[in-house]
């Protein structure tokens, strides 16, 4: 258990470093995957250009997901619904994939058939974070790795409040940078000044 506790503490530290801008979200993704014995970790961050993943290096699946499959992702749809209808209840929680979307529905979905099974996203565990919009953190395993269990739910639930605070910190620091920039004289805002 000591290794898990140490890995968990390291992951929490990395989350805050990334939120403050002093660390890498990719490092956070690596640590989450190691802790959860998973292949991919994905926060669905919306914005211009569609969803993007800060936790893992881009691969071919990210392009396909952003271009088309994010619209048919049943986990993202469930997260948006839960966030819109009961934000306070769902923030900081973690659930197994079958608790989010019925297993049979998932296995018969276009998302699974055309995307998830080809990109080792058979088993999922999800946690909820977000400020103005849902930012679900989804962790995936391929079919050969086996399903997540309640131990993984507890681990992800332990991380989720820290992920939420890091997202809030990131947003606050971004706003503070904008506010500071607005107080500078106009001539200092140019790169050649």
Protein backbone atom coordinates (compact mmCIF):
# COMPACT_ATOMS: atom_id res chain seq x y z
CA UNK A 1 0.00 0.00 0.00
CA UNK A 2 2.94 2.34 0.63
CA UNK A 3 3.75 2.59 -3.09
CA UNK A 4 0.14 3.51 -3.83
CA UNK A 5 0.18 6.18 -1.12
CA UNK A 6 3.44 7.58 -2.44
CA UNK A 7 2.18 7.53 -6.04
CA UNK A 8 -1.05 9.21 -4.91
CA UNK A 9 0.86 11.96 -3.06
CA UNK A 10 3.13 12.51 -6.08
CA UNK A 11 0.09 12.72 -8.35
CA UNK A 12 -1.63 15.29 -6.11
CA UNK A 13 1.55 17.39 -6.08
CA UNK A 14 1.81 17.20 -9.87
CA UNK A 15 -1.85 18.26 -10.21
CA UNK A 16 -1.25 21.46 -8.22
CA UNK A 17 1.99 22.21 -10.04
CA UNK A 18 0.19 21.90 -13.38
CA UNK A 19 -2.72 24.03 -12.16
CA UNK A 20 -0.30 26.74 -11.05
CA UNK A 21 1.52 26.62 -14.37
CA UNK A 22 4.74 25.29 -12.83
CA UNK A 23 4.29 21.70 -13.97
CA UNK A 24 3.09 19.64 -16.88
CA UNK A 25 -0.42 18.27 -17.32
CA UNK A 26 1.25 15.47 -19.32
CA UNK A 27 3.09 14.49 -16.13
CA UNK A 28 -0.26 14.40 -14.33
CA UNK A 29 -1.67 12.11 -17.03
CA UNK A 30 1.30 9.76 -16.75
CA UNK A 31 0.90 9.58 -12.99
CA UNK A 32 -2.85 8.97 -13.18
CA UNK A 33 -2.29 6.16 -15.69
CA UNK A 34 0.40 4.58 -13.52
CA UNK A 35 -1.75 4.86 -10.38
CA UNK A 36 -4.82 3.42 -12.11
CA UNK A 37 -2.91 0.87 -14.25
CA UNK A 38 -4.51 2.46 -17.30
CA UNK A 39 -3.53 3.26 -20.88
CA UNK A 40 -5.15 6.68 -21.39
CA UNK A 41 -6.41 9.53 -19.26
CA UNK A 42 -8.59 12.20 -20.77
CA UNK A 43 -10.20 15.33 -19.43
CA UNK A 44 -12.74 16.55 -21.96
CA UNK A 45 -11.81 20.23 -22.07
CA UNK A 46 -14.00 22.12 -24.48
CA UNK A 47 -13.14 25.29 -26.30
CA UNK A 48 -12.25 26.53 -29.75
CA UNK A 49 -11.47 23.63 -32.07
CA UNK A 50 -13.44 21.09 -30.03
CA UNK A 51 -12.42 18.96 -27.06
CA UNK A 52 -8.75 18.66 -26.24
CA UNK A 53 -6.74 16.45 -23.92
CA UNK A 54 -4.11 18.00 -21.67
CA UNK A 55 -3.18 14.74 -19.92
CA UNK A 56 -1.76 12.63 -22.74
CA UNK A 57 0.42 13.24 -25.79
CA UNK A 58 -1.64 13.57 -28.94
CA UNK A 59 -2.04 10.48 -31.07
CA UNK A 60 -4.30 9.57 -33.97
CA UNK A 61 -7.21 8.88 -31.67
CA UNK A 62 -7.33 12.49 -30.41
CA UNK A 63 -7.73 13.82 -33.94
CA UNK A 64 -10.54 11.39 -34.74
CA UNK A 65 -12.22 12.09 -31.41
CA UNK A 66 -12.13 15.89 -31.86
CA UNK A 67 -13.20 15.74 -35.49
CA UNK A 68 -16.20 13.47 -35.07
CA UNK A 69 -16.53 11.06 -32.17
CA UNK A 70 -16.82 13.62 -29.35
CA UNK A 71 -20.39 14.22 -30.58
CA UNK A 72 -21.32 10.54 -30.08
CA UNK A 73 -19.36 9.93 -26.85
CA UNK A 74 -21.96 8.63 -24.36
CA UNK A 75 -19.70 9.38 -21.37
CA UNK A 76 -19.23 13.02 -22.38
CA UNK A 77 -22.99 13.35 -23.00
CA UNK A 78 -23.72 11.91 -19.55
CA UNK A 79 -21.18 14.27 -17.97
CA UNK A 80 -22.77 17.31 -19.63
CA UNK A 81 -26.22 16.20 -18.48
CA UNK A 82 -25.09 15.49 -14.89
CA UNK A 83 -23.20 18.79 -14.70
CA UNK A 84 -26.19 20.76 -16.00
CA UNK A 85 -28.77 19.08 -13.74
CA UNK A 86 -26.89 18.44 -10.48
CA UNK A 87 -23.42 20.03 -10.63
CA UNK A 88 -22.79 20.16 -6.87
CA UNK A 89 -23.75 16.51 -6.41
CA UNK A 90 -21.47 15.20 -9.16
CA UNK A 91 -18.37 17.38 -8.63
CA UNK A 92 -15.55 15.38 -7.08
CA UNK A 93 -17.27 12.04 -7.54
CA UNK A 94 -15.95 9.05 -9.47
CA UNK A 95 -17.86 6.15 -10.99
CA UNK A 96 -17.21 3.02 -12.98
CA UNK A 97 -18.15 3.20 -16.65
CA UNK A 98 -21.16 0.90 -16.24
CA UNK A 99 -22.56 3.27 -13.58
CA UNK A 100 -22.34 6.15 -16.05
CA UNK A 101 -23.60 4.44 -19.20
CA UNK A 102 -25.25 1.01 -19.23
CA UNK A 103 -22.74 -1.58 -20.43
CA UNK A 104 -25.06 -2.94 -23.11
CA UNK A 105 -25.79 0.56 -24.45
CA UNK A 106 -22.08 1.36 -24.58
CA UNK A 107 -21.12 -1.88 -26.36
CA UNK A 108 -23.81 -1.31 -29.01
CA UNK A 109 -23.05 2.36 -29.57
CA UNK A 110 -21.46 3.84 -32.68
CA UNK A 111 -18.87 5.37 -30.35
CA UNK A 112 -17.72 1.97 -29.09
CA UNK A 113 -17.98 0.11 -32.37
CA UNK A 114 -16.22 2.68 -34.57
CA UNK A 115 -13.89 4.35 -32.08
CA UNK A 116 -13.44 3.09 -28.51
CA UNK A 117 -12.69 -0.56 -29.25
CA UNK A 118 -10.05 0.45 -31.80
CA UNK A 119 -8.28 2.80 -29.39
CA UNK A 120 -8.17 0.71 -26.19
CA UNK A 121 -11.11 2.45 -24.54
CA UNK A 122 -13.16 -0.56 -23.53
CA UNK A 123 -13.12 -0.07 -19.76
CA UNK A 124 -13.59 3.36 -18.25
CA UNK A 125 -13.77 5.07 -14.91
CA UNK A 126 -14.82 8.70 -14.74
CA UNK A 127 -14.68 11.60 -12.33
CA UNK A 128 -16.36 14.99 -12.56
CA UNK A 129 -14.74 18.42 -12.38
CA UNK A 130 -15.49 21.74 -14.03
CA UNK A 131 -16.24 25.42 -13.56
CA UNK A 132 -18.58 26.75 -16.24
CA UNK A 133 -18.85 23.48 -18.15
CA UNK A 134 -18.37 19.80 -17.42
CA UNK A 135 -14.76 18.61 -17.43
CA UNK A 136 -15.01 14.87 -16.92
CA UNK A 137 -11.75 13.05 -16.26
CA UNK A 138 -12.00 9.68 -17.97
CA UNK A 139 -9.42 6.93 -17.50
CA UNK A 140 -9.35 4.03 -19.97
CA UNK A 141 -8.12 0.47 -20.29
CA UNK A 142 -8.22 -1.83 -23.28
CA UNK A 143 -10.23 -5.06 -23.35
CA UNK A 144 -7.20 -7.16 -22.41
CA UNK A 145 -6.43 -5.18 -19.23
CA UNK A 146 -9.70 -5.94 -17.45
CA UNK A 147 -12.24 -3.70 -15.79
CA UNK A 148 -11.63 -1.14 -13.07
CA UNK A 149 -12.94 -1.89 -9.58
CA UNK A 150 -13.97 -0.05 -6.41
CA UNK A 151 -10.31 0.44 -5.40
CA UNK A 152 -9.84 2.51 -8.54
CA UNK A 153 -13.05 4.45 -7.81
CA UNK A 154 -11.65 5.40 -4.38
CA UNK A 155 -8.31 6.43 -5.90
CA UNK A 156 -9.93 8.62 -8.55
CA UNK A 157 -12.36 10.07 -6.01
CA UNK A 158 -9.35 11.01 -3.87
CA UNK A 159 -7.83 12.87 -6.83
CA UNK A 160 -10.95 14.67 -8.06
CA UNK A 161 -11.12 17.48 -5.45
CA UNK A 162 -7.50 18.30 -6.28
CA UNK A 163 -8.23 18.27 -10.01
CA UNK A 164 -11.16 20.63 -9.37
CA UNK A 165 -9.00 23.03 -7.34
CA UNK A 166 -6.24 22.93 -9.96
CA UNK A 167 -8.75 23.79 -12.71
CA UNK A 168 -10.05 26.67 -10.58
CA UNK A 169 -6.47 27.82 -9.87
CA UNK A 170 -5.61 27.67 -13.56
CA UNK A 171 -8.66 29.77 -14.41
CA UNK A 172 -7.96 32.27 -11.62
CA UNK A 173 -4.32 32.68 -12.59
CA UNK A 174 -5.36 33.18 -16.21
CA UNK A 175 -7.77 35.93 -15.18
CA UNK A 176 -5.15 37.51 -12.92
CA UNK A 177 -2.66 37.58 -15.81
CA UNK A 178 -5.26 39.34 -17.96
CA UNK A 179 -6.04 41.85 -15.19
CA UNK A 180 -2.36 42.62 -14.64
CA UNK A 181 -1.84 43.08 -18.38
CA UNK A 182 -4.67 45.61 -18.48
CA UNK A 183 -3.03 47.72 -15.75
CA UNK A 184 0.26 48.08 -17.64
CA UNK A 185 0.86 51.13 -19.83
CA UNK A 186 -0.07 50.43 -23.46
CA UNK A 187 3.50 50.66 -24.75
CA UNK A 188 4.63 47.77 -22.50
CA UNK A 189 2.09 45.39 -24.02
CA UNK A 190 3.97 45.11 -27.27
CA UNK A 191 6.71 42.49 -27.71
CA UNK A 192 9.25 45.02 -28.94
CA UNK A 193 8.78 47.28 -25.91
